[in-house]
């Protein structure tokens, strides 16, 4: 979801919110590491959310993260937000 405020009003069962430009909820074009990080985190919220209407703000910033490094840390078992 690009607009957290809209999720608060609509109250879907689970929502992840990203602070990315409109129309780019998975990230930059041609950045598969970024897409994977966002999708994996969204799936984790889907799995773990206990309450209806749960909204999770993902911590990632547009073009400010090293997504390949995040994936590597996840693979090595280091917990990443």
PDB file of N, CA and C in Angstrom:
ATOM      1  N   UNK A   1       0.852  -1.170   0.000  1.00  0.00           N
ATOM      2  CA  UNK A   1       0.000   0.000   0.000  1.00  0.00           C
ATOM      3  C   UNK A   1       0.892   1.225   0.000  1.00  0.00           C
ATOM      4  N   UNK A   2       0.562   2.155  -0.817  1.00  0.00           N
ATOM      5  CA  UNK A   2       1.342   3.379  -0.917  1.00  0.00           C
ATOM      6  C   UNK A   2       0.848   4.442   0.072  1.00  0.00           C
ATOM      7  N   UNK A   3      -0.423   4.371   0.430  1.00  0.00           N
ATOM      8  CA  UNK A   3      -1.013   5.384   1.310  1.00  0.00           C
ATOM      9  C   UNK A   3      -1.520   4.723   2.589  1.00  0.00           C
ATOM     10  N   UNK A   4      -0.749   4.856   3.627  1.00  0.00           N
ATOM     11  CA  UNK A   4      -1.117   4.250   4.912  1.00  0.00           C
ATOM     12  C   UNK A   4      -2.482   4.758   5.378  1.00  0.00           C
ATOM     13  N   UNK A   5      -2.738   6.040   5.168  1.00  0.00           N
ATOM     14  CA  UNK A   5      -3.994   6.630   5.608  1.00  0.00           C
ATOM     15  C   UNK A   5      -5.191   5.929   4.972  1.00  0.00           C
ATOM     16  N   UNK A   6      -5.057   5.531   3.726  1.00  0.00           N
ATOM     17  CA  UNK A   6      -6.130   4.809   3.042  1.00  0.00           C
ATOM     18  C   UNK A   6      -6.316   3.426   3.658  1.00  0.00           C
ATOM     19  N   UNK A   7      -5.234   2.766   3.982  1.00  0.00           N
ATOM     20  CA  UNK A   7      -5.331   1.455   4.634  1.00  0.00           C
ATOM     21  C   UNK A   7      -6.029   1.576   5.983  1.00  0.00           C
ATOM     22  N   UNK A   8      -5.749   2.658   6.701  1.00  0.00           N
ATOM     23  CA  UNK A   8      -6.405   2.866   7.991  1.00  0.00           C
ATOM     24  C   UNK A   8      -7.912   3.015   7.837  1.00  0.00           C
ATOM     25  N   UNK A   9      -8.355   3.635   6.750  1.00  0.00           N
ATOM     26  CA  UNK A   9      -9.794   3.817   6.513  1.00  0.00           C
ATOM     27  C   UNK A   9     -10.454   2.559   5.964  1.00  0.00           C
ATOM     28  N   UNK A  10      -9.771   1.874   5.039  1.00  0.00           N
ATOM     29  CA  UNK A  10     -10.349   0.687   4.398  1.00  0.00           C
ATOM     30  C   UNK A  10     -10.260  -0.557   5.281  1.00  0.00           C
ATOM     31  N   UNK A  11      -9.239  -0.617   6.126  1.00  0.00           N
ATOM     32  CA  UNK A  11      -9.004  -1.731   7.050  1.00  0.00           C
ATOM     33  C   UNK A  11      -8.997  -3.105   6.374  1.00  0.00           C
ATOM     34  N   UNK A  12      -8.136  -3.298   5.364  1.00  0.00           N
ATOM     35  CA  UNK A  12      -7.984  -4.646   4.818  1.00  0.00           C
ATOM     36  C   UNK A  12      -7.406  -5.565   5.895  1.00  0.00           C
ATOM     37  N   UNK A  13      -7.495  -6.884   5.722  1.00  0.00           N
ATOM     38  CA  UNK A  13      -7.029  -7.812   6.763  1.00  0.00           C
ATOM     39  C   UNK A  13      -5.576  -7.600   7.181  1.00  0.00           C
ATOM     40  N   UNK A  14      -4.694  -7.370   6.239  1.00  0.00           N
ATOM     41  CA  UNK A  14      -3.279  -7.135   6.511  1.00  0.00           C
ATOM     42  C   UNK A  14      -2.758  -6.168   5.454  1.00  0.00           C
ATOM     43  N   UNK A  15      -1.874  -5.288   5.877  1.00  0.00           N
ATOM     44  CA  UNK A  15      -1.309  -4.319   4.939  1.00  0.00           C
ATOM     45  C   UNK A  15       0.148  -4.081   5.279  1.00  0.00           C
ATOM     46  N   UNK A  16       0.972  -4.005   4.250  1.00  0.00           N
ATOM     47  CA  UNK A  16       2.320  -3.473   4.432  1.00  0.00           C
ATOM     48  C   UNK A  16       2.358  -2.140   3.704  1.00  0.00           C
ATOM     49  N   UNK A  17       2.960  -1.176   4.335  1.00  0.00           N
ATOM     50  CA  UNK A  17       3.051   0.162   3.784  1.00  0.00           C
ATOM     51  C   UNK A  17       4.510   0.452   3.459  1.00  0.00           C
ATOM     52  N   UNK A  18       4.739   1.016   2.285  1.00  0.00           N
ATOM     53  CA  UNK A  18       6.096   1.385   1.870  1.00  0.00           C
ATOM     54  C   UNK A  18       6.123   2.863   1.515  1.00  0.00           C
ATOM     55  N   UNK A  19       7.255   3.481   1.781  1.00  0.00           N
ATOM     56  CA  UNK A  19       7.429   4.896   1.427  1.00  0.00           C
ATOM     57  C   UNK A  19       8.197   4.975   0.111  1.00  0.00           C
ATOM     58  N   UNK A  20       7.569   4.476  -0.920  1.00  0.00           N
ATOM     59  CA  UNK A  20       8.150   4.492  -2.261  1.00  0.00           C
ATOM     60  C   UNK A  20       7.284   5.384  -3.142  1.00  0.00           C
ATOM     61  N   UNK A  21       7.801   5.821  -4.291  1.00  0.00           N
ATOM     62  CA  UNK A  21       6.992   6.628  -5.196  1.00  0.00           C
ATOM     63  C   UNK A  21       5.741   5.881  -5.652  1.00  0.00           C
ATOM     64  N   UNK A  22       4.688   6.630  -5.868  1.00  0.00           N
ATOM     65  CA  UNK A  22       3.425   6.053  -6.311  1.00  0.00           C
ATOM     66  C   UNK A  22       3.635   5.192  -7.558  1.00  0.00           C
ATOM     67  N   UNK A  23       3.037   4.028  -7.548  1.00  0.00           N
ATOM     68  CA  UNK A  23       3.146   3.119  -8.682  1.00  0.00           C
ATOM     69  C   UNK A  23       4.339   2.183  -8.617  1.00  0.00           C
ATOM     70  N   UNK A  24       5.135   2.282  -7.562  1.00  0.00           N
ATOM     71  CA  UNK A  24       6.330   1.439  -7.423  1.00  0.00           C
ATOM     72  C   UNK A  24       6.322   0.702  -6.083  1.00  0.00           C
ATOM     73  N   UNK A  25       5.254  -0.016  -5.731  1.00  0.00           N
ATOM     74  CA  UNK A  25       5.197  -0.643  -4.409  1.00  0.00           C
ATOM     75  C   UNK A  25       6.253  -1.714  -4.185  1.00  0.00           C
ATOM     76  N   UNK A  26       6.771  -2.312  -5.245  1.00  0.00           N
ATOM     77  CA  UNK A  26       7.802  -3.347  -5.076  1.00  0.00           C
ATOM     78  C   UNK A  26       9.199  -2.780  -5.226  1.00  0.00           C
ATOM     79  N   UNK A  27       9.323  -1.525  -5.661  1.00  0.00           N
ATOM     80  CA  UNK A  27      10.638  -0.912  -5.764  1.00  0.00           C
ATOM     81  C   UNK A  27      10.967  -0.453  -7.171  1.00  0.00           C
ATOM     82  N   UNK A  28      12.242  -0.226  -7.382  1.00  0.00           N
ATOM     83  CA  UNK A  28      12.733   0.297  -8.651  1.00  0.00           C
ATOM     84  C   UNK A  28      12.658  -0.753  -9.756  1.00  0.00           C
ATOM     85  N   UNK A  29      12.413  -0.328 -10.993  1.00  0.00           N
ATOM     86  CA  UNK A  29      12.469  -1.276 -12.107  1.00  0.00           C
ATOM     87  C   UNK A  29      13.866  -1.888 -12.206  1.00  0.00           C
ATOM     88  N   UNK A  30      13.916  -3.135 -12.604  1.00  0.00           N
ATOM     89  CA  UNK A  30      15.186  -3.844 -12.819  1.00  0.00           C
ATOM     90  C   UNK A  30      16.048  -3.941 -11.564  1.00  0.00           C
ATOM     91  N   UNK A  31      15.419  -4.038 -10.404  1.00  0.00           N
ATOM     92  CA  UNK A  31      16.150  -4.222  -9.154  1.00  0.00           C
ATOM     93  C   UNK A  31      15.569  -5.446  -8.444  1.00  0.00           C
ATOM     94  N   UNK A  32      15.901  -6.643  -8.927  1.00  0.00           N
ATOM     95  CA  UNK A  32      15.290  -7.850  -8.378  1.00  0.00           C
ATOM     96  C   UNK A  32      15.606  -8.083  -6.895  1.00  0.00           C
ATOM     97  N   UNK A  33      16.748  -7.642  -6.412  1.00  0.00           N
ATOM     98  CA  UNK A  33      17.058  -7.796  -4.986  1.00  0.00           C
ATOM     99  C   UNK A  33      16.079  -6.977  -4.152  1.00  0.00           C
ATOM    100  N   UNK A  34      15.800  -5.772  -4.589  1.00  0.00           N
ATOM    101  CA  UNK A  34      14.849  -4.920  -3.872  1.00  0.00           C
ATOM    102  C   UNK A  34      13.455  -5.548  -3.896  1.00  0.00           C
ATOM    103  N   UNK A  35      13.038  -6.023  -5.047  1.00  0.00           N
ATOM    104  CA  UNK A  35      11.715  -6.649  -5.169  1.00  0.00           C
ATOM    105  C   UNK A  35      11.604  -7.842  -4.221  1.00  0.00           C
ATOM    106  N   UNK A  36      12.640  -8.647  -4.187  1.00  0.00           N
ATOM    107  CA  UNK A  36      12.607  -9.850  -3.348  1.00  0.00           C
ATOM    108  C   UNK A  36      12.521  -9.495  -1.863  1.00  0.00           C
ATOM    109  N   UNK A  37      13.296  -8.496  -1.434  1.00  0.00           N
ATOM    110  CA  UNK A  37      13.254  -8.072  -0.035  1.00  0.00           C
ATOM    111  C   UNK A  37      11.837  -7.630   0.338  1.00  0.00           C
ATOM    112  N   UNK A  38      11.220  -6.830  -0.492  1.00  0.00           N
ATOM    113  CA  UNK A  38       9.886  -6.310  -0.197  1.00  0.00           C
ATOM    114  C   UNK A  38       8.870  -7.448  -0.193  1.00  0.00           C
ATOM    115  N   UNK A  39       8.915  -8.310  -1.201  1.00  0.00           N
ATOM    116  CA  UNK A  39       7.957  -9.410  -1.281  1.00  0.00           C
ATOM    117  C   UNK A  39       8.119 -10.368  -0.105  1.00  0.00           C
ATOM    118  N   UNK A  40       9.360 -10.717   0.238  1.00  0.00           N
ATOM    119  CA  UNK A  40       9.584 -11.621   1.374  1.00  0.00           C
ATOM    120  C   UNK A  40       9.065 -11.019   2.676  1.00  0.00           C
ATOM    121  N   UNK A  41       9.298  -9.738   2.859  1.00  0.00           N
ATOM    122  CA  UNK A  41       8.835  -9.091   4.087  1.00  0.00           C
ATOM    123  C   UNK A  41       7.301  -9.053   4.102  1.00  0.00           C
ATOM    124  N   UNK A  42       6.683  -8.761   2.970  1.00  0.00           N
ATOM    125  CA  UNK A  42       5.221  -8.743   2.884  1.00  0.00           C
ATOM    126  C   UNK A  42       4.644 -10.128   3.179  1.00  0.00           C
ATOM    127  N   UNK A  43       5.271 -11.171   2.667  1.00  0.00           N
ATOM    128  CA  UNK A  43       4.799 -12.531   2.941  1.00  0.00           C
ATOM    129  C   UNK A  43       4.961 -12.893   4.416  1.00  0.00           C
ATOM    130  N   UNK A  44       6.019 -12.418   5.042  1.00  0.00           N
ATOM    131  CA  UNK A  44       6.200 -12.658   6.471  1.00  0.00           C
ATOM    132  C   UNK A  44       5.086 -11.987   7.277  1.00  0.00           C
ATOM    133  N   UNK A  45       4.694 -10.786   6.891  1.00  0.00           N
ATOM    134  CA  UNK A  45       3.576 -10.111   7.565  1.00  0.00           C
ATOM    135  C   UNK A  45       2.290 -10.905   7.350  1.00  0.00           C
ATOM    136  N   UNK A  46       2.076 -11.388   6.153  1.00  0.00           N
ATOM    137  CA  UNK A  46       0.895 -12.201   5.863  1.00  0.00           C
ATOM    138  C   UNK A  46       0.853 -13.426   6.771  1.00  0.00           C
ATOM    139  N   UNK A  47       1.998 -14.048   6.987  1.00  0.00           N
ATOM    140  CA  UNK A  47       2.083 -15.241   7.818  1.00  0.00           C
ATOM    141  C   UNK A  47       1.908 -14.925   9.304  1.00  0.00           C
ATOM    142  N   UNK A  48       2.462 -13.822   9.753  1.00  0.00           N
ATOM    143  CA  UNK A  48       2.557 -13.589  11.191  1.00  0.00           C
ATOM    144  C   UNK A  48       1.498 -12.654  11.779  1.00  0.00           C
ATOM    145  N   UNK A  49       0.813 -11.884  10.971  1.00  0.00           N
ATOM    146  CA  UNK A  49      -0.170 -10.930  11.506  1.00  0.00           C
ATOM    147  C   UNK A  49      -1.281 -11.672  12.234  1.00  0.00           C
ATOM    148  N   UNK A  50      -1.559 -11.251  13.447  1.00  0.00           N
ATOM    149  CA  UNK A  50      -2.554 -11.924  14.291  1.00  0.00           C
ATOM    150  C   UNK A  50      -3.900 -11.203  14.323  1.00  0.00           C
ATOM    151  N   UNK A  51      -3.885  -9.891  14.199  1.00  0.00           N
ATOM    152  CA  UNK A  51      -5.098  -9.096  14.340  1.00  0.00           C
ATOM    153  C   UNK A  51      -5.600  -8.591  12.995  1.00  0.00           C
ATOM    154  N   UNK A  52      -6.909  -8.637  12.761  1.00  0.00           N
ATOM    155  CA  UNK A  52      -7.464  -8.032  11.551  1.00  0.00           C
ATOM    156  C   UNK A  52      -7.124  -6.544  11.503  1.00  0.00           C
ATOM    157  N   UNK A  53      -6.832  -6.059  10.332  1.00  0.00           N
ATOM    158  CA  UNK A  53      -6.500  -4.648  10.171  1.00  0.00           C
ATOM    159  C   UNK A  53      -5.063  -4.304  10.478  1.00  0.00           C
ATOM    160  N   UNK A  54      -4.196  -5.317  10.654  1.00  0.00           N
ATOM    161  CA  UNK A  54      -2.783  -5.070  10.944  1.00  0.00           C
ATOM    162  C   UNK A  54      -2.144  -4.271   9.809  1.00  0.00           C
ATOM    163  N   UNK A  55      -1.434  -3.214  10.170  1.00  0.00           N
ATOM    164  CA  UNK A  55      -0.678  -2.404   9.210  1.00  0.00           C
ATOM    165  C   UNK A  55       0.768  -2.386   9.669  1.00  0.00           C
ATOM    166  N   UNK A  56       1.674  -2.776   8.786  1.00  0.00           N
ATOM    167  CA  UNK A  56       3.102  -2.776   9.095  1.00  0.00           C
ATOM    168  C   UNK A  56       3.796  -1.818   8.133  1.00  0.00           C
ATOM    169  N   UNK A  57       4.506  -0.854   8.706  1.00  0.00           N
ATOM    170  CA  UNK A  57       5.296   0.079   7.899  1.00  0.00           C
ATOM    171  C   UNK A  57       6.658  -0.554   7.665  1.00  0.00           C
ATOM    172  N   UNK A  58       6.965  -0.866   6.418  1.00  0.00           N
ATOM    173  CA  UNK A  58       8.269  -1.442   6.111  1.00  0.00           C
ATOM    174  C   UNK A  58       9.340  -0.369   6.252  1.00  0.00           C
ATOM    175  N   UNK A  59      10.512  -0.735   6.755  1.00  0.00           N
ATOM    176  CA  UNK A  59      11.535   0.260   7.074  1.00  0.00           C
ATOM    177  C   UNK A  59      12.379   0.706   5.883  1.00  0.00           C
ATOM    178  N   UNK A  60      12.142   0.163   4.718  1.00  0.00           N
ATOM    179  CA  UNK A  60      13.029   0.403   3.584  1.00  0.00           C
ATOM    180  C   UNK A  60      12.793   1.773   2.959  1.00  0.00           C
ATOM    181  N   UNK A  61      13.882   2.365   2.495  1.00  0.00           N
ATOM    182  CA  UNK A  61      13.824   3.681   1.866  1.00  0.00           C
ATOM    183  C   UNK A  61      14.196   3.544   0.389  1.00  0.00           C
ATOM    184  N   UNK A  62      13.544   4.303  -0.422  1.00  0.00           N
ATOM    185  CA  UNK A  62      13.771   4.309  -1.859  1.00  0.00           C
ATOM    186  C   UNK A  62      15.221   4.675  -2.145  1.00  0.00           C
ATOM    187  N   UNK A  63      15.918   3.785  -2.824  1.00  0.00           N
ATOM    188  CA  UNK A  63      17.305   3.990  -3.270  1.00  0.00           C
ATOM    189  C   UNK A  63      18.292   4.284  -2.143  1.00  0.00           C
ATOM    190  N   UNK A  64      17.980   3.882  -0.900  1.00  0.00           N
ATOM    191  CA  UNK A  64      18.902   4.157   0.202  1.00  0.00           C
ATOM    192  C   UNK A  64      19.345   2.887   0.908  1.00  0.00           C
ATOM    193  N   UNK A  65      18.966   1.758   0.391  1.00  0.00           N
ATOM    194  CA  UNK A  65      19.296   0.491   1.042  1.00  0.00           C
ATOM    195  C   UNK A  65      20.164  -0.340   0.100  1.00  0.00           C
ATOM    196  N   UNK A  66      20.973  -1.207   0.679  1.00  0.00           N
ATOM    197  CA  UNK A  66      21.725  -2.188  -0.092  1.00  0.00           C
ATOM    198  C   UNK A  66      20.942  -3.496  -0.011  1.00  0.00           C
ATOM    199  N   UNK A  67      20.037  -3.703  -0.963  1.00  0.00           N
ATOM    200  CA  UNK A  67      19.116  -4.833  -0.910  1.00  0.00           C
ATOM    201  C   UNK A  67      19.825  -6.171  -1.086  1.00  0.00           C
ATOM    202  N   UNK A  68      20.884  -6.199  -1.868  1.00  0.00           N
ATOM    203  CA  UNK A  68      21.652  -7.443  -2.010  1.00  0.00           C
ATOM    204  C   UNK A  68      22.253  -7.834  -0.661  1.00  0.00           C
ATOM    205  N   UNK A  69      22.726  -6.862   0.098  1.00  0.00           N
ATOM    206  CA  UNK A  69      23.294  -7.135   1.423  1.00  0.00           C
ATOM    207  C   UNK A  69      22.207  -7.612   2.391  1.00  0.00           C
ATOM    208  N   UNK A  70      21.021  -7.044   2.302  1.00  0.00           N
ATOM    209  CA  UNK A  70      19.906  -7.472   3.151  1.00  0.00           C
ATOM    210  C   UNK A  70      19.580  -8.932   2.863  1.00  0.00           C
ATOM    211  N   UNK A  71      19.516  -9.297   1.595  1.00  0.00           N
ATOM    212  CA  UNK A  71      19.235 -10.690   1.229  1.00  0.00           C
ATOM    213  C   UNK A  71      20.335 -11.614   1.740  1.00  0.00           C
ATOM    214  N   UNK A  72      21.573 -11.200   1.621  1.00  0.00           N
ATOM    215  CA  UNK A  72      22.695 -12.025   2.087  1.00  0.00           C
ATOM    216  C   UNK A  72      22.614 -12.240   3.595  1.00  0.00           C
ATOM    217  N   UNK A  73      22.303 -11.193   4.346  1.00  0.00           N
ATOM    218  CA  UNK A  73      22.153 -11.331   5.796  1.00  0.00           C
ATOM    219  C   UNK A  73      21.009 -12.275   6.135  1.00  0.00           C
ATOM    220  N   UNK A  74      19.921 -12.187   5.402  1.00  0.00           N
ATOM    221  CA  UNK A  74      18.796 -13.109   5.635  1.00  0.00           C
ATOM    222  C   UNK A  74      19.211 -14.545   5.376  1.00  0.00           C
ATOM    223  N   UNK A  75      19.936 -14.772   4.310  1.00  0.00           N
ATOM    224  CA  UNK A  75      20.387 -16.123   3.977  1.00  0.00           C
ATOM    225  C   UNK A  75      21.322 -16.691   5.040  1.00  0.00           C
ATOM    226  N   UNK A  76      22.108 -15.818   5.655  1.00  0.00           N
ATOM    227  CA  UNK A  76      23.060 -16.271   6.666  1.00  0.00           C
ATOM    228  C   UNK A  76      22.420 -16.363   8.060  1.00  0.00           C
ATOM    229  N   UNK A  77      21.125 -16.063   8.144  1.00  0.00           N
ATOM    230  CA  UNK A  77      20.415 -16.226   9.400  1.00  0.00           C
ATOM    231  C   UNK A  77      20.395 -15.008  10.286  1.00  0.00           C
ATOM    232  N   UNK A  78      20.896 -13.880   9.821  1.00  0.00           N
ATOM    233  CA  UNK A  78      20.866 -12.652  10.605  1.00  0.00           C
ATOM    234  C   UNK A  78      19.498 -12.024  10.444  1.00  0.00           C
ATOM    235  N   UNK A  79      18.836 -11.706  11.553  1.00  0.00           N
ATOM    236  CA  UNK A  79      17.498 -11.120  11.494  1.00  0.00           C
ATOM    237  C   UNK A  79      17.589  -9.695  11.013  1.00  0.00           C
ATOM    238  N   UNK A  80      16.755  -9.374  10.017  1.00  0.00           N
ATOM    239  CA  UNK A  80      16.703  -8.027   9.442  1.00  0.00           C
ATOM    240  C   UNK A  80      15.281  -7.536   9.561  1.00  0.00           C
ATOM    241  N   UNK A  81      15.109  -6.270   9.941  1.00  0.00           N
ATOM    242  CA  UNK A  81      13.762  -5.700  10.073  1.00  0.00           C
ATOM    243  C   UNK A  81      13.043  -5.685   8.745  1.00  0.00           C
TER     244      UNK A  81
END
